[in-house]
């Protein structure tokens, strides 16, 4: 019976040691898996950045190609913008001329009133 108890204790100790070893191996495996996952995540992120850069470059190329294939539209757009700016300039010049004309009329009226005022002052002095 005593031999059976010793054998049972020995078996229990062996089982506990084996469980600890298995636990250690499992932890190592988990750490290795986590490291591999992080490495793969970095690779995927690098690929995503490369794809984004390629897409951006492709978009720029497509825009340049569209402009190169359709220069008449671009030139037409520029010409219409210049015409619009020229019309705006003409309107601004007309508005400025009208304002100057009004200013001249106001000056003439003020000079006339000043002259009348001075005449009235002279008359009152006499």
C-alpha atoms as a PDB file:
ATOM      1  CA  UNK A   1       0.000   0.000   0.000  1.00  0.00           C
ATOM      2  CA  UNK A   2       2.859   2.293   0.885  1.00  0.00           C
ATOM      3  CA  UNK A   3       4.525   1.458  -2.436  1.00  0.00           C
ATOM      4  CA  UNK A   4       1.255   2.357  -4.200  1.00  0.00           C
ATOM      5  CA  UNK A   5       1.129   5.712  -2.422  1.00  0.00           C
ATOM      6  CA  UNK A   6       4.748   6.452  -3.418  1.00  0.00           C
ATOM      7  CA  UNK A   7       4.013   5.451  -6.973  1.00  0.00           C
ATOM      8  CA  UNK A   8       0.908   7.651  -6.978  1.00  0.00           C
ATOM      9  CA  UNK A   9       2.905  10.620  -5.574  1.00  0.00           C
ATOM     10  CA  UNK A  10       5.640   9.991  -8.144  1.00  0.00           C
ATOM     11  CA  UNK A  11       3.044   9.806 -10.928  1.00  0.00           C
ATOM     12  CA  UNK A  12       1.394  12.991  -9.640  1.00  0.00           C
ATOM     13  CA  UNK A  13       4.791  14.779  -9.640  1.00  0.00           C
ATOM     14  CA  UNK A  14       5.512  13.548 -13.166  1.00  0.00           C
ATOM     15  CA  UNK A  15       2.065  14.700 -14.314  1.00  0.00           C
ATOM     16  CA  UNK A  16       2.607  18.149 -12.768  1.00  0.00           C
ATOM     17  CA  UNK A  17       6.057  18.457 -14.401  1.00  0.00           C
ATOM     18  CA  UNK A  18       4.653  17.384 -17.757  1.00  0.00           C
ATOM     19  CA  UNK A  19       1.799  19.901 -17.395  1.00  0.00           C
ATOM     20  CA  UNK A  20       4.320  22.682 -16.617  1.00  0.00           C
ATOM     21  CA  UNK A  21       6.419  21.685 -19.643  1.00  0.00           C
ATOM     22  CA  UNK A  22       3.337  21.637 -21.843  1.00  0.00           C
ATOM     23  CA  UNK A  23       2.295  25.030 -20.485  1.00  0.00           C
ATOM     24  CA  UNK A  24       5.783  26.415 -21.228  1.00  0.00           C
ATOM     25  CA  UNK A  25       5.711  24.982 -24.767  1.00  0.00           C
ATOM     26  CA  UNK A  26       2.249  26.410 -25.322  1.00  0.00           C
ATOM     27  CA  UNK A  27       3.400  29.879 -24.174  1.00  0.00           C
ATOM     28  CA  UNK A  28       6.438  29.692 -26.484  1.00  0.00           C
ATOM     29  CA  UNK A  29       4.161  28.709 -29.355  1.00  0.00           C
ATOM     30  CA  UNK A  30       1.818  31.618 -28.562  1.00  0.00           C
ATOM     31  CA  UNK A  31       4.761  34.082 -28.491  1.00  0.00           C
ATOM     32  CA  UNK A  32       6.096  32.692 -31.786  1.00  0.00           C
ATOM     33  CA  UNK A  33       2.628  32.923 -33.368  1.00  0.00           C
ATOM     34  CA  UNK A  34       2.208  36.505 -32.123  1.00  0.00           C
ATOM     35  CA  UNK A  35       5.625  37.506 -33.502  1.00  0.00           C
ATOM     36  CA  UNK A  36       4.780  35.910 -36.852  1.00  0.00           C
ATOM     37  CA  UNK A  37       1.402  37.689 -36.907  1.00  0.00           C
ATOM     38  CA  UNK A  38       3.076  41.062 -36.216  1.00  0.00           C
ATOM     39  CA  UNK A  39       5.617  40.374 -38.962  1.00  0.00           C
ATOM     40  CA  UNK A  40       2.836  39.535 -41.427  1.00  0.00           C
ATOM     41  CA  UNK A  41       0.910  42.664 -40.355  1.00  0.00           C
ATOM     42  CA  UNK A  42       4.018  44.771 -41.126  1.00  0.00           C
ATOM     43  CA  UNK A  43       4.348  43.134 -44.535  1.00  0.00           C
ATOM     44  CA  UNK A  44       0.660  43.749 -45.271  1.00  0.00           C
ATOM     45  CA  UNK A  45       0.973  47.406 -44.172  1.00  0.00           C
ATOM     46  CA  UNK A  46       3.997  47.868 -46.436  1.00  0.00           C
ATOM     47  CA  UNK A  47       2.077  46.342 -49.351  1.00  0.00           C
ATOM     48  CA  UNK A  48      -0.906  48.604 -48.617  1.00  0.00           C
ATOM     49  CA  UNK A  49       1.382  51.662 -48.677  1.00  0.00           C
ATOM     50  CA  UNK A  50       2.905  50.510 -51.972  1.00  0.00           C
ATOM     51  CA  UNK A  51      -0.552  50.022 -53.466  1.00  0.00           C
ATOM     52  CA  UNK A  52      -1.672  53.467 -52.283  1.00  0.00           C
ATOM     53  CA  UNK A  53       1.434  55.070 -53.802  1.00  0.00           C
ATOM     54  CA  UNK A  54       0.876  53.194 -57.057  1.00  0.00           C
ATOM     55  CA  UNK A  55      -2.783  54.286 -57.132  1.00  0.00           C
ATOM     56  CA  UNK A  56      -1.812  57.907 -56.483  1.00  0.00           C
ATOM     57  CA  UNK A  57       0.799  57.759 -59.237  1.00  0.00           C
ATOM     58  CA  UNK A  58      -1.739  56.126 -61.548  1.00  0.00           C
ATOM     59  CA  UNK A  59      -4.279  58.886 -60.809  1.00  0.00           C
ATOM     60  CA  UNK A  60      -1.708  61.598 -61.581  1.00  0.00           C
ATOM     61  CA  UNK A  61      -0.805  59.809 -64.809  1.00  0.00           C
ATOM     62  CA  UNK A  62      -4.470  59.581 -65.788  1.00  0.00           C
ATOM     63  CA  UNK A  63      -4.944  63.326 -65.187  1.00  0.00           C
ATOM     64  CA  UNK A  64      -1.859  64.184 -67.238  1.00  0.00           C
ATOM     65  CA  UNK A  65      -3.060  61.878 -70.001  1.00  0.00           C
ATOM     66  CA  UNK A  66      -6.519  63.467 -69.998  1.00  0.00           C
ATOM     67  CA  UNK A  67      -5.021  66.946 -70.329  1.00  0.00           C
ATOM     68  CA  UNK A  68      -2.613  65.786 -73.036  1.00  0.00           C
ATOM     69  CA  UNK A  69      -5.418  64.118 -74.985  1.00  0.00           C
ATOM     70  CA  UNK A  70      -7.720  67.116 -74.734  1.00  0.00           C
ATOM     71  CA  UNK A  71      -5.589  70.289 -74.968  1.00  0.00           C
ATOM     72  CA  UNK A  72      -8.243  72.190 -76.973  1.00  0.00           C
ATOM     73  CA  UNK A  73     -10.663  72.062 -74.056  1.00  0.00           C
ATOM     74  CA  UNK A  74      -7.960  73.290 -71.697  1.00  0.00           C
ATOM     75  CA  UNK A  75      -7.045  76.123 -74.080  1.00  0.00           C
ATOM     76  CA  UNK A  76     -10.732  76.941 -74.525  1.00  0.00           C
ATOM     77  CA  UNK A  77     -11.166  77.077 -70.765  1.00  0.00           C
ATOM     78  CA  UNK A  78      -8.227  79.462 -70.463  1.00  0.00           C
ATOM     79  CA  UNK A  79      -9.562  81.649 -73.269  1.00  0.00           C
ATOM     80  CA  UNK A  80     -13.014  81.834 -71.685  1.00  0.00           C
ATOM     81  CA  UNK A  81     -11.465  82.727 -68.337  1.00  0.00           C
ATOM     82  CA  UNK A  82      -9.422  85.476 -69.988  1.00  0.00           C
ATOM     83  CA  UNK A  83     -12.541  86.806 -71.769  1.00  0.00           C
ATOM     84  CA  UNK A  84     -14.452  86.776 -68.468  1.00  0.00           C
ATOM     85  CA  UNK A  85     -11.591  88.648 -66.758  1.00  0.00           C
ATOM     86  CA  UNK A  86     -11.468  91.175 -69.599  1.00  0.00           C
ATOM     87  CA  UNK A  87     -15.239  91.785 -69.331  1.00  0.00           C
ATOM     88  CA  UNK A  88     -14.874  92.230 -65.582  1.00  0.00           C
ATOM     89  CA  UNK A  89     -12.080  94.725 -66.157  1.00  0.00           C
ATOM     90  CA  UNK A  90     -14.245  96.689 -68.612  1.00  0.00           C
ATOM     91  CA  UNK A  91     -17.135  96.780 -66.139  1.00  0.00           C
ATOM     92  CA  UNK A  92     -14.803  97.959 -63.392  1.00  0.00           C
ATOM     93  CA  UNK A  93     -13.450 100.714 -65.665  1.00  0.00           C
ATOM     94  CA  UNK A  94     -17.008 101.893 -66.502  1.00  0.00           C
ATOM     95  CA  UNK A  95     -17.935 101.925 -62.820  1.00  0.00           C
ATOM     96  CA  UNK A  96     -14.786 103.907 -62.010  1.00  0.00           C
ATOM     97  CA  UNK A  97     -15.531 106.423 -64.804  1.00  0.00           C
ATOM     98  CA  UNK A  98     -19.083 106.871 -63.471  1.00  0.00           C
ATOM     99  CA  UNK A  99     -17.745 107.401 -59.956  1.00  0.00           C
ATOM    100  CA  UNK A 100     -15.234 109.984 -61.227  1.00  0.00           C
ATOM    101  CA  UNK A 101     -17.996 111.735 -63.158  1.00  0.00           C
ATOM    102  CA  UNK A 102     -20.149 111.888 -60.023  1.00  0.00           C
ATOM    103  CA  UNK A 103     -17.162 113.167 -58.054  1.00  0.00           C
ATOM    104  CA  UNK A 104     -16.563 115.933 -60.637  1.00  0.00           C
ATOM    105  CA  UNK A 105     -20.259 116.918 -60.508  1.00  0.00           C
ATOM    106  CA  UNK A 106     -20.145 117.017 -56.703  1.00  0.00           C
ATOM    107  CA  UNK A 107     -16.973 119.177 -56.794  1.00  0.00           C
ATOM    108  CA  UNK A 108     -18.575 121.585 -59.254  1.00  0.00           C
ATOM    109  CA  UNK A 109     -21.652 121.831 -57.050  1.00  0.00           C
ATOM    110  CA  UNK A 110     -19.500 122.387 -53.933  1.00  0.00           C
ATOM    111  CA  UNK A 111     -17.458 125.087 -55.717  1.00  0.00           C
ATOM    112  CA  UNK A 112     -20.651 126.791 -56.818  1.00  0.00           C
ATOM    113  CA  UNK A 113     -22.041 126.692 -53.268  1.00  0.00           C
ATOM    114  CA  UNK A 114     -18.727 127.968 -51.909  1.00  0.00           C
ATOM    115  CA  UNK A 115     -18.776 130.859 -54.389  1.00  0.00           C
ATOM    116  CA  UNK A 116     -22.352 131.750 -53.395  1.00  0.00           C
ATOM    117  CA  UNK A 117     -21.380 131.497 -49.734  1.00  0.00           C
ATOM    118  CA  UNK A 118     -18.397 133.824 -50.218  1.00  0.00           C
ATOM    119  CA  UNK A 119     -20.593 136.328 -52.115  1.00  0.00           C
ATOM    120  CA  UNK A 120     -23.133 136.226 -49.290  1.00  0.00           C
ATOM    121  CA  UNK A 121     -20.368 136.778 -46.721  1.00  0.00           C
ATOM    122  CA  UNK A 122     -19.087 139.796 -48.750  1.00  0.00           C
ATOM    123  CA  UNK A 123     -22.585 141.190 -49.011  1.00  0.00           C
ATOM    124  CA  UNK A 124     -23.117 140.853 -45.271  1.00  0.00           C
ATOM    125  CA  UNK A 125     -19.822 142.615 -44.556  1.00  0.00           C
ATOM    126  CA  UNK A 126     -20.996 145.704 -46.409  1.00  0.00           C
END
